């Protein structure tokens, strides 16, 4: 009884460590949801969702939404990119659309035409500020504006 559980546990671990690959010349239209990492050398027209890492190779193309922890882009991405951790853009990368990341690394030569929101930086700033305090700036009581200010 225990030996079969050990085999099942081992197989589950092996499945998690394997990488899914979409080969060059392959086009997938639709949504992909996986627990494993991905390497995309072909084309995906749709959404990709995984808690792991996605690598878009030099010949890889994604048109759609990508949700994952990390991504390395060497190819082309167009759409909405939402990562909980790091986006690495290699020199051959071409990214267009909306990007939401924790960290961003860009090599010289990469094309990055996107609106970008860095969620990790916002958390750090909010954690360092004091809550409940408000700063008030008042103008002088005279009717005249200060030097360099307009009324």
Protein backbone atom coordinates (compact mmCIF):
# COMPACT_ATOMS: atom_id res chain seq x y z
CA UNK A 1 0.00 0.00 0.00
CA UNK A 2 2.73 2.48 0.88
CA UNK A 3 4.83 1.56 -2.15
CA UNK A 4 2.05 2.63 -4.54
CA UNK A 5 1.73 5.99 -2.70
CA UNK A 6 5.47 6.52 -3.07
CA UNK A 7 5.25 5.87 -6.80
CA UNK A 8 2.32 8.25 -7.18
CA UNK A 9 4.16 10.94 -5.20
CA UNK A 10 7.24 10.50 -7.34
CA UNK A 11 5.24 10.77 -10.55
CA UNK A 12 3.55 13.96 -9.35
CA UNK A 13 6.98 15.48 -8.60
CA UNK A 14 8.29 14.47 -12.01
CA UNK A 15 5.28 16.05 -13.74
CA UNK A 16 5.86 19.34 -11.92
CA UNK A 17 9.54 19.49 -12.94
CA UNK A 18 8.82 18.83 -16.63
CA UNK A 19 8.57 21.70 -19.07
CA UNK A 20 5.80 22.00 -21.64
CA UNK A 21 7.07 22.93 -25.10
CA UNK A 22 5.21 24.38 -28.05
CA UNK A 23 7.55 23.72 -30.97
CA UNK A 24 8.41 26.00 -33.87
CA UNK A 25 5.81 25.66 -36.62
CA UNK A 26 3.01 24.83 -34.17
CA UNK A 27 0.05 27.20 -33.80
CA UNK A 28 -2.37 26.86 -30.90
CA UNK A 29 -5.62 28.82 -30.88
CA UNK A 30 -7.36 28.88 -27.50
CA UNK A 31 -6.57 28.98 -23.79
CA UNK A 32 -3.80 27.03 -22.09
CA UNK A 33 -3.86 26.35 -18.35
CA UNK A 34 -1.04 24.34 -16.78
CA UNK A 35 0.73 23.76 -13.48
CA UNK A 36 4.10 23.39 -15.25
CA UNK A 37 6.54 25.75 -16.92
CA UNK A 38 6.30 26.56 -20.63
CA UNK A 39 8.70 27.14 -23.50
CA UNK A 40 7.02 28.58 -26.56
CA UNK A 41 8.82 28.49 -29.91
CA UNK A 42 5.60 28.35 -31.94
CA UNK A 43 2.55 30.60 -31.93
CA UNK A 44 -0.23 30.91 -29.35
CA UNK A 45 -3.39 32.85 -30.21
CA UNK A 46 -5.16 33.01 -26.86
CA UNK A 47 -4.49 32.98 -23.13
CA UNK A 48 -1.75 31.19 -21.19
CA UNK A 49 -2.01 30.70 -17.43
CA UNK A 50 0.53 28.94 -15.21
CA UNK A 51 1.94 29.50 -11.70
CA UNK A 52 5.43 28.81 -13.06
CA UNK A 53 7.71 30.35 -15.68
CA UNK A 54 7.03 31.00 -19.36
CA UNK A 55 9.86 31.35 -21.88
CA UNK A 56 8.98 32.81 -25.28
CA UNK A 57 11.82 31.73 -27.57
CA UNK A 58 13.18 33.72 -30.52
CA UNK A 59 10.60 32.21 -32.88
CA UNK A 60 7.80 32.26 -30.26
CA UNK A 61 4.72 34.48 -30.50
CA UNK A 62 1.87 35.03 -28.06
CA UNK A 63 -1.17 37.14 -28.96
CA UNK A 64 -3.43 37.25 -25.92
CA UNK A 65 -3.09 37.23 -22.15
CA UNK A 66 -0.23 35.68 -20.20
CA UNK A 67 -0.57 35.12 -16.43
CA UNK A 68 2.38 33.55 -14.64
CA UNK A 69 5.04 34.13 -12.00
CA UNK A 70 8.03 34.79 -14.30
CA UNK A 71 8.59 35.24 -18.02
CA UNK A 72 11.63 35.45 -20.29
CA UNK A 73 10.84 36.96 -23.68
CA UNK A 74 13.11 36.52 -26.68
CA UNK A 75 10.32 36.53 -29.28
CA UNK A 76 7.09 38.51 -29.67
CA UNK A 77 4.30 39.19 -27.22
CA UNK A 78 1.18 41.23 -27.88
CA UNK A 79 -1.63 41.61 -25.35
CA UNK A 80 -1.90 41.70 -21.57
CA UNK A 81 1.00 40.36 -19.51
CA UNK A 82 0.43 39.83 -15.78
CA UNK A 83 3.33 38.47 -13.72
CA UNK A 84 3.65 38.14 -9.97
CA UNK A 85 7.46 38.29 -10.15
CA UNK A 86 10.00 39.09 -12.91
CA UNK A 87 9.75 39.91 -16.61
CA UNK A 88 13.07 39.55 -18.45
CA UNK A 89 13.24 41.02 -21.95
CA UNK A 90 16.14 39.76 -24.05
CA UNK A 91 17.67 41.86 -26.83
CA UNK A 92 15.47 40.18 -29.48
CA UNK A 93 12.21 40.71 -27.55
CA UNK A 94 9.26 42.66 -28.93
CA UNK A 95 6.49 43.43 -26.40
CA UNK A 96 3.32 45.45 -27.03
CA UNK A 97 0.24 45.95 -24.87
CA UNK A 98 -0.33 46.14 -21.11
CA UNK A 99 2.23 44.85 -18.62
CA UNK A 100 1.82 44.30 -14.87
CA UNK A 101 4.94 42.94 -13.14
CA UNK A 102 6.83 42.83 -9.86
CA UNK A 103 10.26 43.40 -11.44
CA UNK A 104 11.42 44.30 -14.95
CA UNK A 105 14.76 43.51 -16.60
CA UNK A 106 15.41 44.83 -20.11
CA UNK A 107 18.47 44.09 -22.27
CA UNK A 108 19.62 46.74 -24.77
CA UNK A 109 17.94 46.20 -28.14
CA UNK A 110 14.60 44.98 -26.78
CA UNK A 111 11.42 46.67 -28.03
CA UNK A 112 9.00 47.53 -25.22
CA UNK A 113 5.90 49.45 -26.36
CA UNK A 114 3.58 48.94 -23.44
CA UNK A 115 1.92 50.54 -20.47
CA UNK A 116 3.66 49.12 -17.43
CA UNK A 117 2.62 48.84 -13.79
CA UNK A 118 5.11 47.52 -11.26
CA UNK A 119 3.17 46.01 -8.37
CA UNK A 120 6.19 45.10 -6.22
CA UNK A 121 7.45 48.70 -6.07
CA UNK A 122 4.04 49.96 -4.96
CA UNK A 123 3.92 47.50 -2.05
CA UNK A 124 7.37 48.60 -0.83
CA UNK A 125 6.40 52.27 -0.92
CA UNK A 126 3.13 51.68 0.92
CA UNK A 127 4.80 49.56 3.61
CA UNK A 128 7.31 52.32 4.31
CA UNK A 129 4.76 55.11 4.68
CA UNK A 130 2.88 55.96 7.86
CA UNK A 131 -0.84 55.42 7.74
CA UNK A 132 -3.30 57.92 9.14
CA UNK A 133 -1.10 61.00 8.67
CA UNK A 134 -2.07 63.85 6.40
CA UNK A 135 0.03 66.76 5.22
CA UNK A 136 -1.68 70.12 4.73
CA UNK A 137 -0.12 72.97 2.78
CA UNK A 138 -1.59 76.42 3.42
CA UNK A 139 -1.18 79.62 1.46
CA UNK A 140 -0.21 82.83 3.23
CA UNK A 141 -3.08 84.91 4.65
CA UNK A 142 -2.15 87.91 2.46
CA UNK A 143 -4.10 88.39 -0.73
CA UNK A 144 -0.86 88.36 -2.71
CA UNK A 145 0.53 85.13 -4.21
CA UNK A 146 4.05 84.14 -3.16
CA UNK A 147 6.98 84.60 -5.51
CA UNK A 148 6.78 82.10 -8.37
CA UNK A 149 3.11 81.21 -7.69
CA UNK A 150 -0.03 82.33 -9.43
CA UNK A 151 -3.29 83.14 -7.70
